[in-house]
Protein backbone atom coordinates (compact mmCIF):
# COMPACT_ATOMS: atom_id res chain seq x y z
CA MET A 1 -61.65 -8.48 14.08
CA ALA A 2 -64.67 -8.24 16.05
CA SER A 3 -66.21 -11.70 15.36
CA LEU A 4 -64.39 -13.79 18.16
CA VAL A 5 -63.66 -10.58 19.97
CA ARG A 6 -67.52 -9.86 20.50
CA GLN A 7 -68.07 -13.36 21.01
CA VAL A 8 -65.72 -13.68 23.94
CA LEU A 9 -66.56 -10.19 25.41
CA TYR A 10 -70.32 -10.68 25.24
CA GLY A 11 -70.77 -14.49 25.13
CA TRP A 12 -73.25 -14.14 22.16
CA ALA A 13 -72.34 -17.23 20.49
CA ILE A 14 -70.33 -19.07 23.13
CA GLY A 15 -72.78 -18.92 26.25
CA HIS A 16 -70.66 -19.07 29.31
CA ALA A 17 -67.20 -19.82 27.78
CA SER A 18 -65.91 -16.51 28.78
CA ARG A 19 -66.24 -17.59 32.48
CA ASP A 20 -65.68 -21.21 32.04
CA LEU A 21 -62.39 -22.36 31.47
CA SER A 22 -62.90 -25.82 29.89
CA SER A 23 -65.46 -24.20 27.39
CA PHE A 24 -63.30 -21.41 26.57
CA VAL A 25 -60.41 -23.82 25.75
CA VAL A 26 -62.65 -25.79 23.57
CA LEU A 27 -63.65 -22.74 21.86
CA MET A 28 -60.01 -21.81 21.19
CA GLN A 29 -59.07 -25.06 19.95
CA ASN A 30 -61.88 -25.15 17.41
CA ALA A 31 -61.15 -21.38 16.48
CA SER A 32 -59.87 -20.43 13.20
CA ASP A 33 -56.19 -19.54 12.79
CA GLU A 34 -57.61 -15.95 12.35
CA GLU A 35 -59.67 -16.04 15.47
CA CYS A 36 -56.70 -17.37 17.46
CA ALA A 37 -54.66 -14.19 16.02
CA GLN A 38 -57.35 -11.84 17.20
CA ALA A 39 -57.14 -13.61 20.59
CA LEU A 40 -53.15 -12.93 20.61
CA VAL A 41 -53.87 -9.05 19.68
CA ALA A 42 -56.48 -8.76 22.20
CA THR A 43 -54.41 -10.23 24.77
CA ALA A 44 -51.59 -8.02 23.92
CA ALA A 45 -53.63 -4.76 24.29
CA ALA A 46 -55.25 -5.76 27.60
CA ALA A 47 -52.00 -6.63 28.99
CA GLN A 48 -50.48 -3.32 27.89
CA TRP A 49 -53.63 -1.39 29.11
CA LEU A 50 -53.38 -3.15 32.41
CA GLN A 51 -49.82 -2.58 32.92
CA SER A 52 -50.13 1.27 32.14
CA SER A 53 -53.57 2.09 33.87
CA GLU A 54 -54.69 2.44 37.48
CA ALA A 55 -57.91 0.32 36.80
CA ILE A 56 -56.71 -2.38 39.11
CA ASP A 57 -55.25 -1.78 42.76
CA LEU A 58 -52.54 -4.44 42.42
CA PRO A 59 -49.69 -4.50 40.14
CA PHE A 60 -49.91 -6.33 36.95
CA PRO A 61 -48.96 -10.03 37.96
CA GLU A 62 -46.37 -10.50 35.21
CA THR A 63 -43.92 -12.20 37.49
CA TYR A 64 -46.47 -15.17 37.81
CA LEU A 65 -47.16 -15.28 34.30
CA SER A 66 -43.62 -15.22 33.11
CA GLY A 67 -42.83 -17.99 35.56
CA GLU A 68 -40.54 -15.96 37.40
CA ALA A 69 -42.60 -16.51 40.57
CA LEU A 70 -44.81 -19.43 41.16
CA ALA A 71 -48.27 -19.40 43.02
CA ARG A 72 -47.09 -21.78 45.69
CA SER A 73 -48.49 -20.08 48.86
CA ALA A 74 -51.81 -19.32 50.05
CA GLU A 75 -50.83 -15.72 49.99
CA ASP A 76 -49.72 -15.89 46.41
CA ARG A 77 -53.04 -17.45 45.35
CA THR A 78 -54.82 -14.86 47.27
CA ILE A 79 -53.27 -12.29 45.35
CA LEU A 80 -53.98 -13.85 42.08
CA SER A 81 -57.47 -14.29 43.12
CA GLU A 82 -58.00 -10.88 43.91
CA TYR A 83 -56.37 -9.60 40.85
CA ILE A 84 -58.81 -11.86 38.71
CA ARG A 85 -61.63 -10.55 40.72
CA GLN A 86 -60.73 -7.03 39.99
CA LEU A 87 -60.05 -7.74 36.48
CA ASP A 88 -63.60 -9.37 36.02
CA LEU A 89 -65.08 -5.99 37.51
CA VAL A 90 -63.01 -3.84 34.95
CA ARG A 91 -64.17 -6.14 32.02
CA LYS A 92 -67.80 -5.90 33.09
CA GLN A 93 -67.43 -2.16 33.16
CA LEU A 94 -66.03 -2.30 29.72
CA LYS A 95 -68.74 -4.62 28.45
CA GLY A 96 -71.16 -1.73 27.74
CA GLU A 97 -68.81 0.11 25.47
CA GLU A 98 -69.08 0.13 21.96
CA VAL A 99 -65.78 1.39 20.80
CA SER A 100 -64.01 -1.36 18.95
CA ARG A 101 -60.68 -0.99 20.80
CA ILE A 102 -62.35 -1.34 24.18
CA LEU A 103 -63.82 -4.34 22.84
CA LEU A 104 -60.43 -5.62 21.99
CA VAL A 105 -59.11 -5.00 25.45
CA GLY A 106 -62.16 -6.56 27.35
CA ALA A 107 -61.77 -9.73 25.12
CA GLY A 108 -57.93 -9.75 25.91
CA MET A 109 -58.98 -9.64 29.58
CA VAL A 110 -60.97 -12.86 29.14
CA VAL A 111 -57.76 -14.60 28.00
CA LEU A 112 -55.79 -13.15 30.77
CA THR A 113 -58.35 -13.90 33.38
CA HIS A 114 -58.29 -17.88 32.27
CA SER A 115 -54.49 -17.63 32.03
CA LEU A 116 -54.09 -16.20 35.59
CA ALA A 117 -56.58 -18.83 36.99
CA CYS A 118 -54.39 -21.61 35.37
CA VAL A 119 -51.23 -19.99 36.93
CA ARG A 120 -52.96 -19.64 40.44
CA ASP A 121 -54.18 -23.12 40.26
CA ALA A 122 -51.09 -24.57 38.58
CA ASP A 123 -51.41 -27.81 40.67
CA HIS A 124 -54.24 -28.94 38.60
CA LEU A 125 -54.80 -26.46 35.76
CA LEU A 126 -51.36 -25.79 34.37
CA GLY A 127 -51.85 -28.50 31.50
CA THR A 128 -54.93 -26.91 30.66
CA GLY A 129 -53.41 -23.27 30.54
CA LYS A 130 -50.92 -25.07 28.28
CA SER A 131 -53.59 -26.60 25.92
CA LEU A 132 -55.43 -22.99 25.86
CA TRP A 133 -52.17 -21.22 24.67
CA ARG A 134 -50.90 -24.03 22.09
CA ALA A 135 -54.59 -23.25 20.57
CA ILE A 136 -54.12 -19.19 20.82
CA LEU A 137 -50.66 -19.52 19.32
CA ARG A 138 -51.76 -21.16 16.06
CA GLY A 139 -52.68 -17.49 15.04
CA GLN A 140 -49.17 -15.90 15.37
CA ALA A 141 -48.51 -16.13 11.63
CA ILE A 142 -51.54 -13.74 11.21
CA ALA A 143 -51.16 -11.80 14.36
CA VAL A 144 -47.58 -10.83 13.06
CA GLU A 145 -49.46 -9.01 10.26
CA MET A 146 -51.68 -6.98 12.79
CA THR A 147 -48.85 -6.10 15.43
CA ASN A 148 -45.14 -6.27 16.09
CA ALA A 149 -45.99 -6.93 19.96
CA LEU A 150 -47.66 -9.36 22.12
CA PHE A 151 -47.98 -10.64 25.74
CA VAL A 152 -47.41 -14.34 25.95
CA PRO A 153 -47.45 -15.99 29.62
CA ARG A 154 -44.23 -17.83 29.34
CA ILE A 155 -45.18 -20.05 32.32
CA LEU A 156 -47.84 -21.58 29.99
CA VAL A 157 -45.59 -21.80 27.02
CA PRO A 158 -42.14 -21.88 28.17
CA ASP A 159 -40.60 -23.18 24.75
CA TRP A 160 -42.21 -20.58 22.68
CA GLN A 161 -40.27 -18.07 20.64
CA PRO A 162 -41.42 -14.98 19.21
CA PRO A 163 -41.24 -14.41 15.17
CA GLU A 164 -38.50 -12.21 14.38
CA GLY A 165 -39.14 -8.46 14.97
CA TRP A 166 -41.61 -8.97 17.78
CA GLN A 167 -41.22 -7.48 21.14
CA LEU A 168 -42.10 -9.36 24.33
CA GLY A 169 -44.58 -7.71 26.73
CA THR A 170 -44.58 -4.34 25.13
CA ALA A 171 -46.46 -2.74 22.40
CA THR A 172 -45.94 0.12 20.03
CA THR A 173 -49.46 1.29 20.28
CA THR A 174 -50.40 3.77 22.85
CA LEU A 175 -53.59 3.96 24.77
CA GLN A 176 -54.59 6.94 23.27
CA GLU A 177 -54.28 5.13 19.82
CA LEU A 178 -56.51 2.48 21.33
CA ASP A 179 -59.19 4.92 22.37
CA VAL A 180 -59.08 3.17 25.88
CA PRO A 181 -59.70 5.59 29.05
CA ALA A 182 -56.60 5.34 31.19
């Protein structure tokens, strides 16, 4: 599973795609279904870790990602910008780790960062975010063999339905099983 995960986290084969949304969307559109499955699993692991850790001072912005709240005001965009800033700092701290589960969480943070940027700047990036997630969800048939839980930002894929047996926004794996420090 480390091929795309390592590429996204370290930028070995994709240059600045982990920082550049347009390049990242192209990367995911050209990725294999297996690599898209890796992105799904990584995003679920990162969301789970962020929801239960205190690594970021702000609460996990699930209401924005679900579409329950829209980033319409300057205050909303400031909150999301600060979350993205802190998320990037945490991802950089994880970057030096060699544990495969930490790589997984770090790569998922890249997907979440781009997703949050699309939600924050929905006026001009919502379509880009939807394109990104259409590409990532190509891997769901494979991801269902890897996990029974995932995190999908419903604002970016409002018509998506989980495969039978999957849980939304939760995971059965504990942080200890992921070998990720809380």
